[in-house]
Amino acid sequence: MVSVSIRELRNQGGEVVDRVSRGERVTITRSGVPVAELRPVARTPSSAEVLLAHWHRLPKVDPTVLRDDIEKIMNTRL
């Protein structure tokens, strides 16, 4: 978790809120003492229908080709 002073929040509030909207939690400090926390708002869970619709639009993946690609970029001796 990142800490931001009240002064930083005042001067760079938009940037701090952007970070929080991307999922980061930010502790707000006053004179170095934590006084508040910013966290993203919980999102409404998607329905099964919406998730399935997204899943059906995903590209097909050939597991053999995927495995070959992974082996090309990783040290298989680990």
N, C-alpha and C. Protein backbone atom coordinates (compact mmCIF):
# COMPACT_ATOMS: atom_id res chain seq x y z
N MET A 1 0.84 -1.17 0.00
CA MET A 1 0.00 0.00 0.00
C MET A 1 0.89 1.24 0.00
N VAL A 2 0.49 2.23 -0.75
CA VAL A 2 1.24 3.47 -0.90
C VAL A 2 0.71 4.52 0.07
N SER A 3 1.60 5.34 0.58
CA SER A 3 1.20 6.45 1.44
C SER A 3 1.34 7.76 0.69
N VAL A 4 0.37 8.65 0.90
CA VAL A 4 0.36 9.97 0.28
C VAL A 4 0.01 10.98 1.35
N SER A 5 0.78 12.07 1.40
CA SER A 5 0.46 13.11 2.38
C SER A 5 -0.76 13.90 1.92
N ILE A 6 -1.37 14.60 2.86
CA ILE A 6 -2.53 15.42 2.51
C ILE A 6 -2.13 16.47 1.47
N ARG A 7 -0.94 17.02 1.58
CA ARG A 7 -0.47 18.01 0.61
C ARG A 7 -0.37 17.38 -0.79
N GLU A 8 0.21 16.17 -0.87
CA GLU A 8 0.29 15.49 -2.17
C GLU A 8 -1.10 15.20 -2.73
N LEU A 9 -2.01 14.80 -1.86
CA LEU A 9 -3.38 14.53 -2.30
C LEU A 9 -4.02 15.80 -2.86
N ARG A 10 -3.81 16.91 -2.20
CA ARG A 10 -4.37 18.19 -2.66
C ARG A 10 -3.77 18.58 -4.01
N ASN A 11 -2.45 18.43 -4.15
CA ASN A 11 -1.77 18.88 -5.37
C ASN A 11 -1.88 17.90 -6.53
N GLN A 12 -2.03 16.61 -6.23
CA GLN A 12 -2.05 15.58 -7.27
C GLN A 12 -3.26 14.67 -7.12
N GLY A 13 -4.38 15.25 -6.70
CA GLY A 13 -5.57 14.47 -6.40
C GLY A 13 -6.04 13.61 -7.55
N GLY A 14 -6.03 14.16 -8.77
CA GLY A 14 -6.48 13.40 -9.93
C GLY A 14 -5.64 12.16 -10.17
N GLU A 15 -4.32 12.30 -10.04
CA GLU A 15 -3.42 11.16 -10.22
C GLU A 15 -3.65 10.10 -9.15
N VAL A 16 -3.84 10.55 -7.91
CA VAL A 16 -4.07 9.60 -6.81
C VAL A 16 -5.38 8.84 -7.05
N VAL A 17 -6.43 9.54 -7.43
CA VAL A 17 -7.72 8.88 -7.69
C VAL A 17 -7.60 7.92 -8.88
N ASP A 18 -6.83 8.29 -9.89
CA ASP A 18 -6.61 7.37 -11.01
C ASP A 18 -5.96 6.07 -10.54
N ARG A 19 -4.98 6.17 -9.66
CA ARG A 19 -4.32 4.96 -9.13
C ARG A 19 -5.31 4.11 -8.36
N VAL A 20 -6.14 4.76 -7.56
CA VAL A 20 -7.14 4.03 -6.77
C VAL A 20 -8.15 3.37 -7.70
N SER A 21 -8.55 4.05 -8.75
CA SER A 21 -9.54 3.47 -9.67
C SER A 21 -8.97 2.26 -10.40
N ARG A 22 -7.65 2.16 -10.48
CA ARG A 22 -7.01 0.99 -11.09
C ARG A 22 -6.82 -0.15 -10.09
N GLY A 23 -7.28 0.05 -8.85
CA GLY A 23 -7.23 -1.03 -7.88
C GLY A 23 -6.26 -0.86 -6.73
N GLU A 24 -5.50 0.20 -6.74
CA GLU A 24 -4.50 0.41 -5.69
C GLU A 24 -5.14 1.04 -4.46
N ARG A 25 -4.69 0.65 -3.28
CA ARG A 25 -5.12 1.28 -2.03
C ARG A 25 -4.07 2.32 -1.64
N VAL A 26 -4.53 3.47 -1.17
CA VAL A 26 -3.63 4.57 -0.82
C VAL A 26 -3.96 5.02 0.60
N THR A 27 -2.94 5.09 1.45
CA THR A 27 -3.09 5.61 2.80
C THR A 27 -2.77 7.10 2.78
N ILE A 28 -3.65 7.90 3.36
CA ILE A 28 -3.44 9.34 3.46
C ILE A 28 -2.83 9.63 4.83
N THR A 29 -1.75 10.42 4.82
CA THR A 29 -1.06 10.73 6.08
C THR A 29 -1.10 12.22 6.36
N ARG A 30 -1.08 12.54 7.65
CA ARG A 30 -0.94 13.92 8.12
C ARG A 30 0.25 13.91 9.08
N SER A 31 1.26 14.68 8.73
CA SER A 31 2.51 14.72 9.53
C SER A 31 3.08 13.32 9.71
N GLY A 32 2.97 12.49 8.67
CA GLY A 32 3.53 11.14 8.70
C GLY A 32 2.67 10.10 9.40
N VAL A 33 1.53 10.51 9.93
CA VAL A 33 0.64 9.59 10.66
C VAL A 33 -0.54 9.23 9.76
N PRO A 34 -0.81 7.93 9.55
CA PRO A 34 -1.95 7.55 8.73
C PRO A 34 -3.26 8.05 9.33
N VAL A 35 -4.10 8.70 8.50
CA VAL A 35 -5.38 9.21 8.98
C VAL A 35 -6.56 8.70 8.17
N ALA A 36 -6.32 8.21 6.96
CA ALA A 36 -7.42 7.75 6.11
C ALA A 36 -6.87 6.79 5.06
N GLU A 37 -7.80 6.10 4.41
CA GLU A 37 -7.41 5.19 3.34
C GLU A 37 -8.37 5.35 2.17
N LEU A 38 -7.82 5.45 0.98
CA LEU A 38 -8.63 5.45 -0.24
C LEU A 38 -8.54 4.06 -0.85
N ARG A 39 -9.67 3.52 -1.22
CA ARG A 39 -9.70 2.20 -1.85
C ARG A 39 -10.74 2.21 -2.95
N PRO A 40 -10.59 1.34 -3.93
CA PRO A 40 -11.58 1.32 -5.01
C PRO A 40 -12.94 0.87 -4.49
N VAL A 41 -13.98 1.39 -5.12
CA VAL A 41 -15.34 0.99 -4.78
C VAL A 41 -15.55 -0.43 -5.31
N ALA A 42 -16.21 -1.25 -4.51
CA ALA A 42 -16.48 -2.63 -4.94
C ALA A 42 -17.37 -2.60 -6.17
N ARG A 43 -17.00 -3.38 -7.16
CA ARG A 43 -17.78 -3.44 -8.39
C ARG A 43 -18.87 -4.49 -8.27
N THR A 44 -19.95 -4.24 -8.97
CA THR A 44 -21.05 -5.19 -8.98
C THR A 44 -20.61 -6.43 -9.76
N PRO A 45 -20.78 -7.62 -9.20
CA PRO A 45 -20.37 -8.82 -9.92
C PRO A 45 -21.18 -8.99 -11.20
N SER A 46 -20.53 -9.50 -12.22
CA SER A 46 -21.20 -9.74 -13.50
C SER A 46 -22.03 -11.02 -13.42
N SER A 47 -23.11 -11.03 -14.17
CA SER A 47 -23.96 -12.21 -14.21
C SER A 47 -23.28 -13.31 -15.03
N ALA A 48 -23.75 -14.52 -14.87
CA ALA A 48 -23.21 -15.65 -15.62
C ALA A 48 -23.37 -15.43 -17.12
N GLU A 49 -24.48 -14.84 -17.53
CA GLU A 49 -24.71 -14.59 -18.95
C GLU A 49 -23.67 -13.64 -19.54
N VAL A 50 -23.36 -12.59 -18.79
CA VAL A 50 -22.37 -11.63 -19.26
C VAL A 50 -20.99 -12.28 -19.33
N LEU A 51 -20.64 -13.05 -18.32
CA LEU A 51 -19.34 -13.73 -18.32
C LEU A 51 -19.23 -14.71 -19.48
N LEU A 52 -20.28 -15.46 -19.74
CA LEU A 52 -20.26 -16.41 -20.86
C LEU A 52 -20.15 -15.69 -22.20
N ALA A 53 -20.83 -14.57 -22.33
CA ALA A 53 -20.75 -13.80 -23.58
C ALA A 53 -19.31 -13.32 -23.82
N HIS A 54 -18.65 -12.86 -22.76
CA HIS A 54 -17.25 -12.44 -22.89
C HIS A 54 -16.36 -13.64 -23.21
N TRP A 55 -16.61 -14.74 -22.56
CA TRP A 55 -15.80 -15.94 -22.75
C TRP A 55 -15.88 -16.43 -24.19
N HIS A 56 -17.06 -16.38 -24.78
CA HIS A 56 -17.23 -16.86 -26.15
C HIS A 56 -16.53 -15.97 -27.17
N ARG A 57 -16.24 -14.73 -26.80
CA ARG A 57 -15.54 -13.81 -27.71
C ARG A 57 -14.02 -13.93 -27.61
N LEU A 58 -13.53 -14.67 -26.64
CA LEU A 58 -12.08 -14.83 -26.50
C LEU A 58 -11.52 -15.66 -27.64
N PRO A 59 -10.28 -15.37 -28.06
CA PRO A 59 -9.69 -16.17 -29.13
C PRO A 59 -9.42 -17.59 -28.67
N LYS A 60 -9.48 -18.51 -29.61
CA LYS A 60 -9.18 -19.91 -29.31
C LYS A 60 -7.68 -20.04 -29.05
N VAL A 61 -7.31 -20.87 -28.09
CA VAL A 61 -5.92 -21.08 -27.73
C VAL A 61 -5.58 -22.54 -27.94
N ASP A 62 -4.51 -22.77 -28.71
CA ASP A 62 -4.02 -24.14 -28.90
C ASP A 62 -3.04 -24.42 -27.76
N PRO A 63 -3.37 -25.36 -26.87
CA PRO A 63 -2.51 -25.60 -25.70
C PRO A 63 -1.09 -26.02 -26.06
N THR A 64 -0.91 -26.75 -27.16
CA THR A 64 0.42 -27.19 -27.56
C THR A 64 1.27 -25.99 -28.00
N VAL A 65 0.68 -25.11 -28.79
CA VAL A 65 1.39 -23.91 -29.24
C VAL A 65 1.70 -23.01 -28.04
N LEU A 66 0.76 -22.86 -27.12
CA LEU A 66 0.99 -22.07 -25.93
C LEU A 66 2.15 -22.62 -25.12
N ARG A 67 2.17 -23.92 -24.93
CA ARG A 67 3.26 -24.56 -24.17
C ARG A 67 4.61 -24.34 -24.85
N ASP A 68 4.64 -24.49 -26.18
CA ASP A 68 5.88 -24.26 -26.93
C ASP A 68 6.36 -22.81 -26.77
N ASP A 69 5.42 -21.85 -26.85
CA ASP A 69 5.79 -20.45 -26.68
C ASP A 69 6.35 -20.19 -25.29
N ILE A 70 5.73 -20.77 -24.26
CA ILE A 70 6.20 -20.58 -22.89
C ILE A 70 7.60 -21.16 -22.72
N GLU A 71 7.82 -22.33 -23.28
CA GLU A 71 9.14 -22.96 -23.17
C GLU A 71 10.23 -22.17 -23.88
N LYS A 72 9.86 -21.46 -24.96
CA LYS A 72 10.83 -20.65 -25.68
C LYS A 72 11.33 -19.48 -24.84
N ILE A 73 10.46 -18.92 -24.00
CA ILE A 73 10.87 -17.72 -23.26
C ILE A 73 11.29 -18.01 -21.83
N MET A 74 11.04 -19.22 -21.34
CA MET A 74 11.41 -19.55 -19.96
C MET A 74 12.58 -20.53 -19.92
N ASN A 75 13.32 -20.46 -18.84
CA ASN A 75 14.39 -21.42 -18.62
C ASN A 75 13.76 -22.68 -18.06
N THR A 76 13.70 -23.72 -18.87
CA THR A 76 13.03 -24.96 -18.45
C THR A 76 13.89 -25.77 -17.48
N ARG A 77 15.10 -25.33 -17.22
CA ARG A 77 15.97 -26.06 -16.28
C ARG A 77 15.72 -25.66 -14.83
N LEU A 78 14.83 -24.70 -14.60
CA LEU A 78 14.55 -24.26 -13.23
C LEU A 78 13.70 -25.28 -12.49
